[in-house]
């Protein structure tokens, strides 16, 4: 597996893990990933991933009005993605 393909697979699963903790939006996802050590990955790399995950059925989204500021697209994971996370964690720990 090429390093970029491996990173994409890891990032996909890390994004699912972040969203499994609580429904969230793109900027918050990127900030949480940076706090977990993905500081060298640009937001331009991160932002398309939730959209692709949604297209693949791993996420759902809806626009919500926060307490302040413009509407944001919040992502939620369906129950099937919890199984995907468990499988990833099992293989990651092996």
N, C-alpha and C. Protein backbone atom coordinates (compact mmCIF):
# COMPACT_ATOMS: atom_id res chain seq x y z
N UNK A 1 0.86 -1.18 0.00
CA UNK A 1 0.00 0.00 0.00
C UNK A 1 0.90 1.24 0.00
N UNK A 2 0.58 2.18 -0.83
CA UNK A 2 1.33 3.42 -0.87
C UNK A 2 1.10 4.23 0.39
N UNK A 3 2.10 5.00 0.83
CA UNK A 3 1.90 5.81 2.04
C UNK A 3 0.68 6.73 1.98
N UNK A 4 0.42 7.35 0.83
CA UNK A 4 -0.73 8.25 0.74
C UNK A 4 -2.04 7.48 0.86
N UNK A 5 -2.10 6.28 0.29
CA UNK A 5 -3.31 5.46 0.41
C UNK A 5 -3.50 4.99 1.85
N UNK A 6 -2.39 4.64 2.50
CA UNK A 6 -2.46 4.22 3.89
C UNK A 6 -2.94 5.37 4.77
N UNK A 7 -2.40 6.57 4.53
CA UNK A 7 -2.80 7.74 5.30
C UNK A 7 -4.28 8.04 5.09
N UNK A 8 -4.76 7.90 3.85
CA UNK A 8 -6.16 8.15 3.56
C UNK A 8 -7.04 7.20 4.36
N UNK A 9 -6.67 5.93 4.41
CA UNK A 9 -7.44 4.95 5.18
C UNK A 9 -7.42 5.25 6.66
N UNK A 10 -6.28 5.68 7.17
CA UNK A 10 -6.17 6.02 8.57
C UNK A 10 -7.00 7.27 8.86
N UNK A 11 -6.88 8.27 8.02
CA UNK A 11 -7.65 9.51 8.23
C UNK A 11 -9.15 9.26 8.18
N UNK A 12 -9.60 8.44 7.23
CA UNK A 12 -11.02 8.13 7.16
C UNK A 12 -11.52 7.59 8.50
N UNK A 13 -10.78 6.63 9.02
CA UNK A 13 -11.19 6.01 10.28
C UNK A 13 -11.04 6.97 11.46
N UNK A 14 -10.03 7.80 11.46
CA UNK A 14 -9.87 8.78 12.53
C UNK A 14 -11.02 9.79 12.52
N UNK A 15 -11.45 10.17 11.33
CA UNK A 15 -12.59 11.08 11.22
C UNK A 15 -13.85 10.42 11.77
N UNK A 16 -14.05 9.14 11.45
CA UNK A 16 -15.21 8.44 12.01
C UNK A 16 -15.13 8.39 13.53
N UNK A 17 -13.94 8.17 14.06
CA UNK A 17 -13.77 8.11 15.52
C UNK A 17 -14.09 9.47 16.15
N UNK A 18 -13.63 10.55 15.53
CA UNK A 18 -13.92 11.90 16.04
C UNK A 18 -15.42 12.15 16.05
N UNK A 19 -16.09 11.80 14.98
CA UNK A 19 -17.53 12.05 14.87
C UNK A 19 -18.31 11.11 15.79
N UNK A 20 -17.79 9.92 16.06
CA UNK A 20 -18.47 9.00 16.97
C UNK A 20 -18.53 9.56 18.38
N UNK A 21 -17.56 10.41 18.73
CA UNK A 21 -17.55 11.02 20.06
C UNK A 21 -18.68 12.03 20.21
N UNK A 22 -18.95 12.78 19.15
CA UNK A 22 -20.07 13.72 19.13
C UNK A 22 -20.26 14.24 17.71
N UNK A 23 -21.49 14.56 17.36
CA UNK A 23 -21.76 15.16 16.05
C UNK A 23 -20.91 16.42 15.95
N UNK A 24 -20.32 16.63 14.80
CA UNK A 24 -19.43 17.77 14.66
C UNK A 24 -19.35 18.23 13.21
N UNK A 25 -18.64 19.31 12.97
CA UNK A 25 -18.53 19.92 11.65
C UNK A 25 -17.06 19.95 11.21
N UNK A 26 -16.84 20.31 9.95
CA UNK A 26 -15.52 20.21 9.32
C UNK A 26 -14.37 20.86 10.07
N UNK A 27 -14.52 22.11 10.45
CA UNK A 27 -13.42 22.81 11.12
C UNK A 27 -13.09 22.14 12.45
N UNK A 28 -14.11 21.75 13.19
CA UNK A 28 -13.89 21.09 14.47
C UNK A 28 -13.18 19.75 14.27
N UNK A 29 -13.55 19.03 13.22
CA UNK A 29 -12.87 17.76 12.90
C UNK A 29 -11.38 18.02 12.68
N UNK A 30 -11.06 19.03 11.87
CA UNK A 30 -9.66 19.32 11.57
C UNK A 30 -8.89 19.72 12.83
N UNK A 31 -9.53 20.49 13.71
CA UNK A 31 -8.86 20.90 14.95
C UNK A 31 -8.62 19.71 15.88
N UNK A 32 -9.58 18.82 15.97
CA UNK A 32 -9.41 17.64 16.81
C UNK A 32 -8.32 16.73 16.25
N UNK A 33 -8.29 16.57 14.93
CA UNK A 33 -7.24 15.75 14.33
C UNK A 33 -5.87 16.36 14.60
N UNK A 34 -5.76 17.67 14.51
CA UNK A 34 -4.49 18.34 14.82
C UNK A 34 -4.09 18.10 16.27
N UNK A 35 -5.05 18.13 17.17
CA UNK A 35 -4.73 17.90 18.59
C UNK A 35 -4.32 16.46 18.84
N UNK A 36 -4.70 15.55 17.94
CA UNK A 36 -4.32 14.14 18.06
C UNK A 36 -3.01 13.83 17.34
N UNK A 37 -2.34 14.87 16.82
CA UNK A 37 -1.04 14.66 16.21
C UNK A 37 -0.99 14.75 14.70
N UNK A 38 -2.09 15.05 14.06
CA UNK A 38 -2.12 15.20 12.60
C UNK A 38 -1.89 16.66 12.22
N UNK A 39 -0.91 17.28 12.83
CA UNK A 39 -0.70 18.72 12.65
C UNK A 39 -0.16 19.09 11.27
N UNK A 40 0.45 18.15 10.57
CA UNK A 40 1.02 18.46 9.26
C UNK A 40 0.06 18.22 8.10
N UNK A 41 -1.19 17.91 8.40
CA UNK A 41 -2.18 17.67 7.35
C UNK A 41 -3.05 18.92 7.21
N UNK A 42 -3.13 19.43 5.99
CA UNK A 42 -3.87 20.68 5.77
C UNK A 42 -5.38 20.45 5.83
N UNK A 43 -6.09 21.52 6.12
CA UNK A 43 -7.55 21.45 6.12
C UNK A 43 -8.07 21.10 4.73
N UNK A 44 -7.34 21.50 3.69
CA UNK A 44 -7.73 21.17 2.32
C UNK A 44 -7.71 19.67 2.06
N UNK A 45 -6.91 18.95 2.82
CA UNK A 45 -6.88 17.49 2.73
C UNK A 45 -8.02 16.89 3.53
N UNK A 46 -8.31 17.48 4.68
CA UNK A 46 -9.31 16.92 5.59
C UNK A 46 -10.74 17.19 5.13
N UNK A 47 -11.03 18.40 4.67
CA UNK A 47 -12.42 18.78 4.36
C UNK A 47 -13.13 17.87 3.35
N UNK A 48 -12.49 17.38 2.30
CA UNK A 48 -13.21 16.51 1.35
C UNK A 48 -13.53 15.12 1.91
N UNK A 49 -12.81 14.69 2.94
CA UNK A 49 -12.98 13.33 3.43
C UNK A 49 -14.37 13.06 4.02
N UNK A 50 -14.92 13.94 4.88
CA UNK A 50 -16.28 13.67 5.35
C UNK A 50 -17.31 13.63 4.22
N UNK A 51 -17.12 14.44 3.20
CA UNK A 51 -18.04 14.42 2.06
C UNK A 51 -17.99 13.08 1.35
N UNK A 52 -16.78 12.55 1.17
CA UNK A 52 -16.64 11.24 0.52
C UNK A 52 -17.20 10.14 1.41
N UNK A 53 -16.94 10.23 2.72
CA UNK A 53 -17.47 9.24 3.65
C UNK A 53 -19.00 9.26 3.65
N UNK A 54 -19.57 10.45 3.52
CA UNK A 54 -21.02 10.55 3.44
C UNK A 54 -21.53 9.91 2.16
N UNK A 55 -20.86 10.18 1.07
CA UNK A 55 -21.26 9.60 -0.23
C UNK A 55 -21.21 8.07 -0.18
N UNK A 56 -20.26 7.53 0.61
CA UNK A 56 -20.11 6.08 0.74
C UNK A 56 -21.02 5.49 1.81
N UNK A 57 -21.85 6.32 2.44
CA UNK A 57 -22.80 5.82 3.43
C UNK A 57 -22.25 5.67 4.83
N UNK A 58 -21.04 6.16 5.07
CA UNK A 58 -20.42 6.04 6.40
C UNK A 58 -20.84 7.16 7.33
N UNK A 59 -21.36 8.25 6.78
CA UNK A 59 -21.78 9.41 7.55
C UNK A 59 -23.11 9.92 7.03
N UNK A 60 -23.78 10.68 7.87
CA UNK A 60 -24.91 11.48 7.42
C UNK A 60 -24.62 12.92 7.84
N UNK A 61 -25.30 13.86 7.24
CA UNK A 61 -25.05 15.25 7.61
C UNK A 61 -26.34 16.04 7.53
N UNK A 62 -26.33 17.16 8.24
CA UNK A 62 -27.43 18.11 8.19
C UNK A 62 -26.88 19.48 8.56
N UNK A 63 -27.50 20.51 8.02
CA UNK A 63 -27.10 21.87 8.37
C UNK A 63 -27.81 22.26 9.66
N UNK A 64 -27.04 22.84 10.57
CA UNK A 64 -27.58 23.29 11.86
C UNK A 64 -27.14 24.71 12.12
N UNK A 65 -27.97 25.42 12.83
CA UNK A 65 -27.65 26.80 13.23
C UNK A 65 -27.02 26.75 14.62
N UNK A 66 -25.73 27.11 14.72
CA UNK A 66 -25.09 27.15 16.04
C UNK A 66 -25.57 28.36 16.84
N UNK A 67 -25.14 28.46 18.09
CA UNK A 67 -25.53 29.58 18.94
C UNK A 67 -25.13 30.91 18.31
N UNK A 68 -24.00 30.92 17.61
CA UNK A 68 -23.58 32.13 16.90
C UNK A 68 -22.92 31.73 15.59
N UNK A 69 -22.98 32.60 14.62
CA UNK A 69 -22.35 32.34 13.33
C UNK A 69 -23.30 31.71 12.33
N UNK A 70 -22.76 31.38 11.16
CA UNK A 70 -23.58 30.82 10.09
C UNK A 70 -23.92 29.35 10.34
N UNK A 71 -24.87 28.85 9.55
CA UNK A 71 -25.19 27.43 9.61
C UNK A 71 -23.94 26.61 9.31
N UNK A 72 -23.86 25.44 9.94
CA UNK A 72 -22.74 24.55 9.72
C UNK A 72 -23.27 23.17 9.35
N UNK A 73 -22.49 22.47 8.53
CA UNK A 73 -22.85 21.11 8.17
C UNK A 73 -22.29 20.17 9.23
N UNK A 74 -23.17 19.61 10.04
CA UNK A 74 -22.78 18.68 11.09
C UNK A 74 -22.86 17.25 10.58
N UNK A 75 -21.87 16.46 10.96
CA UNK A 75 -21.81 15.07 10.55
C UNK A 75 -22.14 14.16 11.71
N UNK A 76 -22.82 13.08 11.41
CA UNK A 76 -23.22 12.06 12.36
C UNK A 76 -22.87 10.71 11.76
N UNK A 77 -22.51 9.74 12.59
CA UNK A 77 -22.26 8.43 12.02
C UNK A 77 -23.42 7.49 12.32
N UNK A 78 -23.83 6.69 11.33
CA UNK A 78 -24.88 5.69 11.57
C UNK A 78 -24.28 4.50 12.33
N UNK A 79 -25.15 3.64 12.85
CA UNK A 79 -24.70 2.48 13.62
C UNK A 79 -23.73 1.59 12.86
N UNK A 80 -23.91 1.46 11.55
CA UNK A 80 -23.02 0.61 10.77
C UNK A 80 -21.58 1.10 10.81
N UNK A 81 -21.38 2.40 10.94
CA UNK A 81 -20.02 2.93 11.01
C UNK A 81 -19.37 2.64 12.36
N UNK A 82 -20.17 2.45 13.40
CA UNK A 82 -19.60 2.05 14.69
C UNK A 82 -18.92 0.69 14.54
N UNK A 83 -19.52 -0.19 13.74
CA UNK A 83 -18.91 -1.49 13.49
C UNK A 83 -17.62 -1.34 12.70
N UNK A 84 -17.59 -0.42 11.75
CA UNK A 84 -16.39 -0.15 10.98
C UNK A 84 -15.27 0.35 11.89
N UNK A 85 -15.61 1.21 12.85
CA UNK A 85 -14.62 1.72 13.80
C UNK A 85 -14.07 0.58 14.65
N UNK A 86 -14.96 -0.28 15.14
CA UNK A 86 -14.52 -1.41 15.96
C UNK A 86 -13.57 -2.31 15.18
N UNK A 87 -13.90 -2.57 13.92
CA UNK A 87 -13.04 -3.41 13.08
C UNK A 87 -11.68 -2.75 12.87
N UNK A 88 -11.67 -1.44 12.61
CA UNK A 88 -10.42 -0.70 12.43
C UNK A 88 -9.57 -0.77 13.70
N UNK A 89 -10.20 -0.53 14.85
CA UNK A 89 -9.45 -0.54 16.11
C UNK A 89 -8.88 -1.92 16.40
N UNK A 90 -9.64 -2.95 16.09
CA UNK A 90 -9.16 -4.33 16.30
C UNK A 90 -7.91 -4.58 15.46
N UNK A 91 -7.95 -4.21 14.19
CA UNK A 91 -6.80 -4.44 13.31
C UNK A 91 -5.65 -3.51 13.64
N UNK A 92 -5.94 -2.30 14.09
CA UNK A 92 -4.89 -1.34 14.43
C UNK A 92 -4.10 -1.82 15.63
N UNK A 93 -4.78 -2.45 16.58
CA UNK A 93 -4.13 -2.90 17.81
C UNK A 93 -3.36 -4.20 17.61
N UNK A 94 -3.62 -4.94 16.53
CA UNK A 94 -2.91 -6.21 16.26
C UNK A 94 -1.47 -5.99 15.90
